[in-house]
Amino acid sequence: MKAFEKSLSYKRMENPRIVPLAWFRSFVEEQDEIFASDPWIYGLGEANRKNVETLMQHSHEQGLIGRMTALEELFINTAT
């Protein structure tokens, strides 16, 4: 994960000649305004925690899962 985050993928996208779309740069700028600098945030930070908890709540209400589970029970801590 750390290697991916340090990869050149995002830096390559800054070059408008890499993507063959004339208005690509304006779409990237719009995306940055909406999602900040990373639209695909990893980990269980505040934003993702809320999203996963909301998904679990809807799944529980619809009977797809039997009980609500703490996220710490579902995911292993990889920060160490």
Protein backbone atom coordinates (compact mmCIF):
# COMPACT_ATOMS: atom_id res chain seq x y z
CA MET A 1 0.00 0.00 0.00
CA LYS A 2 2.76 2.39 0.92
CA ALA A 3 4.51 1.62 -2.38
CA PHE A 4 1.35 2.37 -4.36
CA GLU A 5 0.86 5.68 -2.61
CA LYS A 6 4.44 6.63 -3.50
CA SER A 7 4.08 5.45 -7.09
CA LEU A 8 4.15 7.80 -10.03
CA SER A 9 0.55 7.11 -11.07
CA TYR A 10 -0.88 10.41 -9.90
CA LYS A 11 2.14 12.36 -11.08
CA ARG A 12 1.79 10.88 -14.58
CA MET A 13 -1.81 12.05 -14.75
CA GLU A 14 -0.64 15.65 -14.27
CA ASN A 15 0.81 15.49 -17.77
CA PRO A 16 -2.09 16.31 -20.16
CA ARG A 17 -0.40 14.39 -22.99
CA ILE A 18 -0.65 11.07 -21.13
CA VAL A 19 -4.45 10.95 -21.39
CA PRO A 20 -5.87 11.44 -24.91
CA LEU A 21 -8.76 13.64 -23.81
CA ALA A 22 -8.78 17.32 -24.72
CA TRP A 23 -10.56 18.46 -21.53
CA PHE A 24 -8.92 16.02 -19.16
CA ARG A 25 -7.16 18.69 -17.09
CA SER A 26 -10.41 20.54 -16.34
CA PHE A 27 -11.99 17.28 -15.12
CA VAL A 28 -9.02 16.59 -12.86
CA GLU A 29 -9.26 20.11 -11.43
CA GLU A 30 -12.99 19.70 -10.81
CA GLN A 31 -12.35 16.35 -9.12
CA ASP A 32 -9.69 17.96 -6.91
CA GLU A 33 -12.16 20.67 -5.85
CA ILE A 34 -14.73 18.06 -4.82
CA PHE A 35 -12.53 15.35 -3.32
CA ALA A 36 -9.38 17.29 -2.37
CA SER A 37 -6.15 15.79 -3.60
CA ASP A 38 -7.07 12.10 -3.17
CA PRO A 39 -10.46 10.81 -4.36
CA TRP A 40 -9.56 7.23 -3.37
CA ILE A 41 -8.64 7.63 0.28
CA TYR A 42 -7.36 4.42 1.88
CA GLY A 43 -7.70 3.22 5.42
CA LEU A 44 -10.35 3.79 8.06
CA GLY A 45 -9.94 7.51 8.51
CA GLU A 46 -12.88 9.70 9.39
CA ALA A 47 -14.35 9.85 5.85
CA ASN A 48 -14.08 6.13 5.14
CA ARG A 49 -15.21 5.14 8.60
CA LYS A 50 -18.44 7.08 8.12
CA ASN A 51 -18.99 5.53 4.68
CA VAL A 52 -18.44 1.96 5.87
CA GLU A 53 -20.62 2.49 8.95
CA THR A 54 -23.41 3.91 6.76
CA LEU A 55 -23.13 0.93 4.40
CA MET A 56 -23.30 -1.45 7.35
CA GLN A 57 -26.33 0.38 8.78
CA HIS A 58 -28.23 0.09 5.49
CA SER A 59 -27.22 -3.56 5.15
CA HIS A 60 -28.46 -4.26 8.68
CA GLU A 61 -31.76 -2.43 8.09
CA GLN A 62 -32.34 -4.46 4.91
CA GLY A 63 -31.56 -7.74 6.64
CA LEU A 64 -28.36 -8.41 4.72
CA ILE A 65 -26.30 -8.65 7.90
CA GLY A 66 -27.53 -9.95 11.23
CA ARG A 67 -25.88 -7.47 13.55
CA MET A 68 -23.89 -4.28 13.56
CA THR A 69 -20.20 -4.93 14.09
CA ALA A 70 -17.50 -2.53 15.21
CA LEU A 71 -15.11 -1.75 12.38
CA GLU A 72 -12.20 -2.79 14.59
CA GLU A 73 -13.67 -6.33 14.55
CA LEU A 74 -13.82 -6.36 10.75
CA PHE A 75 -10.41 -4.94 9.85
CA ILE A 76 -6.94 -5.60 11.16
CA ASN A 77 -4.84 -2.59 12.15
CA THR A 78 -2.08 -2.34 9.54
CA ALA A 79 -0.71 1.02 10.72
CA THR A 80 2.04 -0.66 12.75
